[in-house]
Amino acid sequence: MMLAISTIPKGFRVGEHYPGVYLSYTELQIMLNLLRGKKRVQIAIDLGITGRSVDYYCCNMMKLLGFDELGELIDYMRCHEALTHLY
């Protein structure tokens, strides 16, 4: 019996400052929209999910990266250019 090795990446790598931390596709879409200046309500409409789901994903990203405020996380992403090649 052969073991299958997954070639599917875990997600989108945040940057060198966070090795081993990956964002899911939905988290990435939300973060890119936040970096573009969209409000959470508009992001929910654009992605076809609830506002509560957007809040959940935002909380998850803050927890993964160790931030207490969403604004701090967005500022960090802008300053360190973690995802600038995508937006």
C-alpha atoms as a PDB file:
ATOM      1  CA  MET A   1       0.000   0.000   0.000  1.00  0.00           C
ATOM      2  CA  MET A   2       1.413   3.397  -1.027  1.00  0.00           C
ATOM      3  CA  LEU A   3       0.903   6.532   0.978  1.00  0.00           C
ATOM      4  CA  ALA A   4      -0.351   9.486  -0.998  1.00  0.00           C
ATOM      5  CA  ILE A   5       1.508  12.713  -0.426  1.00  0.00           C
ATOM      6  CA  SER A   6      -0.673  15.761  -0.692  1.00  0.00           C
ATOM      7  CA  THR A   7       0.471  18.377  -3.168  1.00  0.00           C
ATOM      8  CA  ILE A   8      -2.235  20.769  -2.049  1.00  0.00           C
ATOM      9  CA  PRO A   9      -0.705  23.627  -0.063  1.00  0.00           C
ATOM     10  CA  LYS A  10      -1.940  24.248   3.474  1.00  0.00           C
ATOM     11  CA  GLY A  11      -3.013  27.723   2.450  1.00  0.00           C
ATOM     12  CA  PHE A  12      -1.441  31.055   1.661  1.00  0.00           C
ATOM     13  CA  ARG A  13       1.749  31.805   3.546  1.00  0.00           C
ATOM     14  CA  VAL A  14       1.628  35.093   5.425  1.00  0.00           C
ATOM     15  CA  GLY A  15       5.299  35.970   5.253  1.00  0.00           C
ATOM     16  CA  GLU A  16       8.743  35.309   6.631  1.00  0.00           C
ATOM     17  CA  HIS A  17       7.833  36.730  10.038  1.00  0.00           C
ATOM     18  CA  TYR A  18       5.294  33.949  10.571  1.00  0.00           C
ATOM     19  CA  PRO A  19       6.792  30.653   9.427  1.00  0.00           C
ATOM     20  CA  GLY A  20       4.261  27.871   9.397  1.00  0.00           C
ATOM     21  CA  VAL A  21       1.267  30.230   9.491  1.00  0.00           C
ATOM     22  CA  TYR A  22      -1.082  29.982   6.548  1.00  0.00           C
ATOM     23  CA  LEU A  23      -4.337  31.728   5.713  1.00  0.00           C
ATOM     24  CA  SER A  24      -7.212  29.809   4.199  1.00  0.00           C
ATOM     25  CA  TYR A  25      -8.556  30.955   0.841  1.00  0.00           C
ATOM     26  CA  THR A  26     -11.494  32.724   2.523  1.00  0.00           C
ATOM     27  CA  GLU A  27      -9.242  34.389   5.099  1.00  0.00           C
ATOM     28  CA  LEU A  28      -7.010  35.583   2.283  1.00  0.00           C
ATOM     29  CA  GLN A  29      -9.964  37.017   0.348  1.00  0.00           C
ATOM     30  CA  ILE A  30     -11.177  38.843   3.452  1.00  0.00           C
ATOM     31  CA  MET A  31      -7.709  40.214   4.238  1.00  0.00           C
ATOM     32  CA  LEU A  32      -7.170  41.428   0.668  1.00  0.00           C
ATOM     33  CA  ASN A  33     -10.530  43.203   0.747  1.00  0.00           C
ATOM     34  CA  LEU A  34      -9.681  44.792   4.091  1.00  0.00           C
ATOM     35  CA  LEU A  35      -6.364  45.976   2.649  1.00  0.00           C
ATOM     36  CA  ARG A  36      -8.287  47.506  -0.242  1.00  0.00           C
ATOM     37  CA  GLY A  37     -10.295  49.505   2.301  1.00  0.00           C
ATOM     38  CA  LYS A  38     -13.595  47.642   2.140  1.00  0.00           C
ATOM     39  CA  LYS A  39     -15.840  47.411   5.173  1.00  0.00           C
ATOM     40  CA  ARG A  40     -16.722  44.045   6.658  1.00  0.00           C
ATOM     41  CA  VAL A  41     -20.379  44.302   5.643  1.00  0.00           C
ATOM     42  CA  GLN A  42     -19.422  44.889   2.001  1.00  0.00           C
ATOM     43  CA  ILE A  43     -16.932  42.012   2.125  1.00  0.00           C
ATOM     44  CA  ALA A  44     -19.687  39.708   3.369  1.00  0.00           C
ATOM     45  CA  ILE A  45     -21.940  40.742   0.494  1.00  0.00           C
ATOM     46  CA  ASP A  46     -19.152  40.376  -2.084  1.00  0.00           C
ATOM     47  CA  LEU A  47     -18.163  36.911  -0.843  1.00  0.00           C
ATOM     48  CA  GLY A  48     -21.712  35.701  -0.307  1.00  0.00           C
ATOM     49  CA  ILE A  49     -21.236  34.945   3.375  1.00  0.00           C
ATOM     50  CA  THR A  50     -22.711  36.412   6.538  1.00  0.00           C
ATOM     51  CA  GLY A  51     -21.230  39.339   8.406  1.00  0.00           C
ATOM     52  CA  ARG A  52     -20.811  37.009  11.377  1.00  0.00           C
ATOM     53  CA  SER A  53     -18.663  34.708   9.226  1.00  0.00           C
ATOM     54  CA  VAL A  54     -16.445  37.632   8.247  1.00  0.00           C
ATOM     55  CA  ASP A  55     -16.073  38.478  11.952  1.00  0.00           C
ATOM     56  CA  TYR A  56     -15.174  34.850  12.697  1.00  0.00           C
ATOM     57  CA  TYR A  57     -12.480  34.770  10.015  1.00  0.00           C
ATOM     58  CA  CYS A  58     -11.103  38.123  11.194  1.00  0.00           C
ATOM     59  CA  CYS A  59     -10.912  36.831  14.783  1.00  0.00           C
ATOM     60  CA  ASN A  60      -9.194  33.682  13.586  1.00  0.00           C
ATOM     61  CA  MET A  61      -6.571  35.685  11.664  1.00  0.00           C
ATOM     62  CA  MET A  62      -5.949  37.935  14.677  1.00  0.00           C
ATOM     63  CA  LYS A  63      -5.552  34.880  16.908  1.00  0.00           C
ATOM     64  CA  LEU A  64      -3.201  33.139  14.458  1.00  0.00           C
ATOM     65  CA  LEU A  65      -0.976  36.199  14.158  1.00  0.00           C
ATOM     66  CA  GLY A  66      -1.201  37.407  17.754  1.00  0.00           C
ATOM     67  CA  PHE A  67      -3.099  40.684  17.361  1.00  0.00           C
ATOM     68  CA  ASP A  68      -5.807  42.049  19.650  1.00  0.00           C
ATOM     69  CA  GLU A  69      -7.260  44.567  17.197  1.00  0.00           C
ATOM     70  CA  LEU A  70      -8.171  44.142  13.544  1.00  0.00           C
ATOM     71  CA  GLY A  71      -6.735  47.562  12.718  1.00  0.00           C
ATOM     72  CA  GLU A  72      -3.351  46.492  14.096  1.00  0.00           C
ATOM     73  CA  LEU A  73      -3.400  43.395  11.908  1.00  0.00           C
ATOM     74  CA  ILE A  74      -4.271  45.413   8.804  1.00  0.00           C
ATOM     75  CA  ASP A  75      -1.542  47.957   9.580  1.00  0.00           C
ATOM     76  CA  TYR A  76       0.958  45.142  10.065  1.00  0.00           C
ATOM     77  CA  MET A  77       0.029  43.590   6.732  1.00  0.00           C
ATOM     78  CA  ARG A  78       0.458  46.949   5.009  1.00  0.00           C
ATOM     79  CA  CYS A  79       3.744  47.852   6.722  1.00  0.00           C
ATOM     80  CA  HIS A  80       5.427  44.499   6.290  1.00  0.00           C
ATOM     81  CA  GLU A  81       4.041  43.978   2.802  1.00  0.00           C
ATOM     82  CA  ALA A  82       3.163  40.381   3.618  1.00  0.00           C
ATOM     83  CA  LEU A  83       0.542  40.135   0.894  1.00  0.00           C
ATOM     84  CA  THR A  84       1.319  43.125  -1.363  1.00  0.00           C
ATOM     85  CA  HIS A  85       2.062  40.883  -4.309  1.00  0.00           C
ATOM     86  CA  LEU A  86      -1.601  39.824  -4.226  1.00  0.00           C
ATOM     87  CA  TYR A  87      -3.501  43.098  -3.914  1.00  0.00           C
END
